[in-house]
Protein backbone atom coordinates (compact mmCIF):
# COMPACT_ATOMS: atom_id res chain seq x y z
CA MET A 1 98.56 45.22 85.66
CA GLU A 2 97.67 47.19 82.60
CA GLY A 3 98.94 50.77 82.64
CA VAL A 4 95.73 52.40 81.37
CA PRO A 5 93.50 53.52 84.25
CA HIS A 6 89.86 52.54 84.00
CA PRO A 7 87.00 54.64 85.34
CA VAL A 8 85.77 53.53 88.75
CA PRO A 9 82.15 52.35 88.52
CA ARG A 10 79.85 54.20 90.91
CA THR A 11 76.37 52.93 90.06
CA VAL A 12 74.93 49.44 89.90
CA GLU A 13 74.73 49.71 86.12
CA GLU A 14 78.37 50.84 85.87
CA VAL A 15 79.48 47.97 88.10
CA PHE A 16 77.63 45.55 85.84
CA THR A 17 79.19 47.08 82.73
CA ASP A 18 82.63 46.78 84.36
CA PHE A 19 81.86 43.15 85.26
CA LYS A 20 80.75 42.30 81.70
CA GLY A 21 83.88 43.86 80.19
CA ARG A 22 86.18 42.00 82.58
CA ARG A 23 84.27 38.77 81.96
CA SER A 24 84.56 39.19 78.18
CA GLY A 25 88.31 39.65 78.48
CA LEU A 26 88.67 36.54 80.62
CA ILE A 27 86.51 34.47 78.29
CA LYS A 28 88.62 35.65 75.36
CA ALA A 29 91.79 34.51 77.17
CA LEU A 30 90.29 31.10 77.94
CA THR A 31 88.76 30.46 74.50
CA THR A 32 89.77 32.41 71.39
CA ASP A 33 93.22 33.42 72.72
CA VAL A 34 93.83 30.15 74.59
CA GLU A 35 97.14 29.31 72.86
CA LYS A 36 98.58 32.74 73.65
CA PHE A 37 97.23 32.50 77.22
CA TYR A 38 98.70 29.01 77.69
CA GLN A 39 102.14 30.14 76.52
CA GLN A 40 102.15 33.16 78.83
CA CYS A 41 101.49 30.94 81.87
CA ASP A 42 104.99 29.50 81.99
CA PRO A 43 105.42 27.47 85.20
CA GLU A 44 109.06 28.64 85.37
CA LYS A 45 107.93 32.22 86.00
CA GLU A 46 106.86 33.67 89.34
CA ASN A 47 103.27 33.63 90.65
CA LEU A 48 101.13 34.82 87.76
CA CYS A 49 97.53 36.04 87.72
CA LEU A 50 94.96 36.36 84.94
CA TYR A 51 93.41 39.83 84.88
CA GLY A 52 90.33 40.84 82.91
CA PHE A 53 89.78 44.53 82.19
CA PRO A 54 86.61 46.57 81.67
CA ASN A 55 87.62 47.20 78.04
CA GLU A 56 87.28 43.45 77.28
CA THR A 57 91.01 42.76 77.25
CA TRP A 58 93.06 40.42 79.42
CA GLU A 59 96.58 40.15 80.76
CA VAL A 60 98.74 37.56 82.51
CA ASN A 61 100.97 39.33 84.98
CA LEU A 62 102.42 39.34 88.46
CA PRO A 63 100.12 40.52 91.24
CA VAL A 64 100.25 44.20 92.14
CA GLU A 65 102.86 45.12 94.71
CA GLU A 66 100.81 47.58 96.74
CA VAL A 67 99.36 46.26 99.95
CA PRO A 68 96.45 46.21 100.25
CA PRO A 69 95.73 46.17 96.52
CA GLU A 70 93.27 48.63 94.97
CA LEU A 71 90.99 45.77 93.90
CA PRO A 72 90.66 42.18 95.05
CA GLU A 73 93.37 40.06 93.44
CA PRO A 74 92.67 37.15 91.08
CA ALA A 75 93.96 33.65 91.85
CA LEU A 76 97.70 33.71 92.40
CA GLY A 77 100.01 31.20 90.74
CA ILE A 78 97.76 29.98 87.92
CA ASN A 79 100.89 29.03 85.99
CA PHE A 80 102.17 26.46 88.51
CA ALA A 81 99.47 23.85 87.92
CA ARG A 82 99.53 24.21 84.14
CA ASP A 83 101.88 21.35 83.31
CA GLY A 84 100.67 19.08 86.13
CA MET A 85 97.10 18.81 84.81
CA GLN A 86 95.36 18.05 81.57
CA GLU A 87 94.89 21.28 79.64
CA LYS A 88 91.10 21.23 79.80
CA ASP A 89 91.14 20.62 83.57
CA TRP A 90 93.62 23.45 84.09
CA LEU A 91 91.54 25.82 81.96
CA SER A 92 88.42 24.85 83.92
CA LEU A 93 90.22 25.54 87.20
CA VAL A 94 91.35 28.97 85.98
CA ALA A 95 87.77 29.69 84.80
CA VAL A 96 86.29 28.86 88.21
CA HIS A 97 88.83 31.09 89.95
CA SER A 98 88.15 33.82 87.39
CA ASP A 99 84.42 33.68 88.16
CA SER A 100 85.18 34.06 91.86
CA TRP A 101 87.43 37.03 91.16
CA LEU A 102 84.80 38.72 88.97
CA LEU A 103 82.24 38.49 91.76
CA ALA A 104 84.77 39.72 94.34
CA VAL A 105 85.51 42.81 92.23
CA ALA A 106 81.81 43.52 91.68
CA PHE A 107 81.00 43.15 95.37
CA TYR A 108 84.02 45.28 96.28
CA PHE A 109 82.58 48.13 94.22
CA GLY A 110 79.13 47.52 95.70
CA ALA A 111 80.47 47.71 99.24
CA ARG A 112 82.71 50.67 98.49
CA PHE A 113 79.87 52.82 97.25
CA GLY A 114 77.25 51.50 99.68
CA PHE A 115 74.47 50.77 97.24
CA GLY A 116 71.07 50.92 98.89
CA LYS A 117 69.06 47.82 99.67
CA ASN A 118 66.64 48.41 96.82
CA GLU A 119 69.45 48.80 94.28
CA ARG A 120 71.16 45.66 95.55
CA LYS A 121 68.05 43.54 95.50
CA SER A 122 66.36 44.56 92.30
CA LYS A 123 69.00 45.63 89.81
CA ARG A 124 72.30 43.96 90.60
CA THR A 125 70.89 40.63 91.66
CA THR A 126 68.77 40.35 88.53
CA MET A 127 71.60 41.42 86.20
CA PHE A 128 74.22 39.17 87.77
CA CYS A 129 71.92 36.15 88.07
CA ARG A 130 71.04 36.26 84.39
CA THR A 131 74.67 36.38 83.28
CA LYS A 132 76.63 33.34 82.22
CA TYR A 133 79.98 33.16 83.93
CA CYS A 134 83.36 32.03 82.54
CA PHE A 135 83.18 28.40 83.63
CA PRO A 136 79.92 27.42 81.86
CA LEU A 137 80.97 29.25 78.70
CA LEU A 138 84.40 27.60 78.79
CA GLU A 139 82.86 24.16 79.30
CA ALA A 140 80.89 24.55 76.07
CA SER A 141 84.06 25.60 74.25
CA LEU A 142 86.05 22.69 75.70
CA VAL A 143 83.49 20.12 74.55
CA SER A 144 84.07 21.07 70.93
CA ARG A 145 87.84 21.58 71.32
CA PHE A 146 88.56 18.28 73.08
CA ARG A 147 85.88 16.15 71.43
CA SER A 148 88.42 13.41 70.67
CA ASP A 149 89.35 12.89 74.36
């Protein structure tokens, strides 16, 4: 993963900011940087993962070697299905797995810092429920990109 350490979020608001940054990076990989992303997911390489970072960047890389990892890991081996599926179906699959990973990271931070019941119910739930995830945003992008299909 990226060599620059990111601050560990400790409040509900910081977790949400971390989530939004990671989500923006993933959306960028799946939409505006899709050609670069597609090329980096070479099926001939080992198990690759798509990482989103709090600073709104993304990276395709091998999973971390430490066990257990510091954070939950994204879907492993996203590159293997690339050439066996239509591009838009593969991108949709990666988007769904990315959404799951984003939530896993956010809930990891929530569990790690033991947010109180009131914080969990009022703030985080409202913020996360009002946010569009990768898959719905990608679907809108794919409609215009693959209109001829």
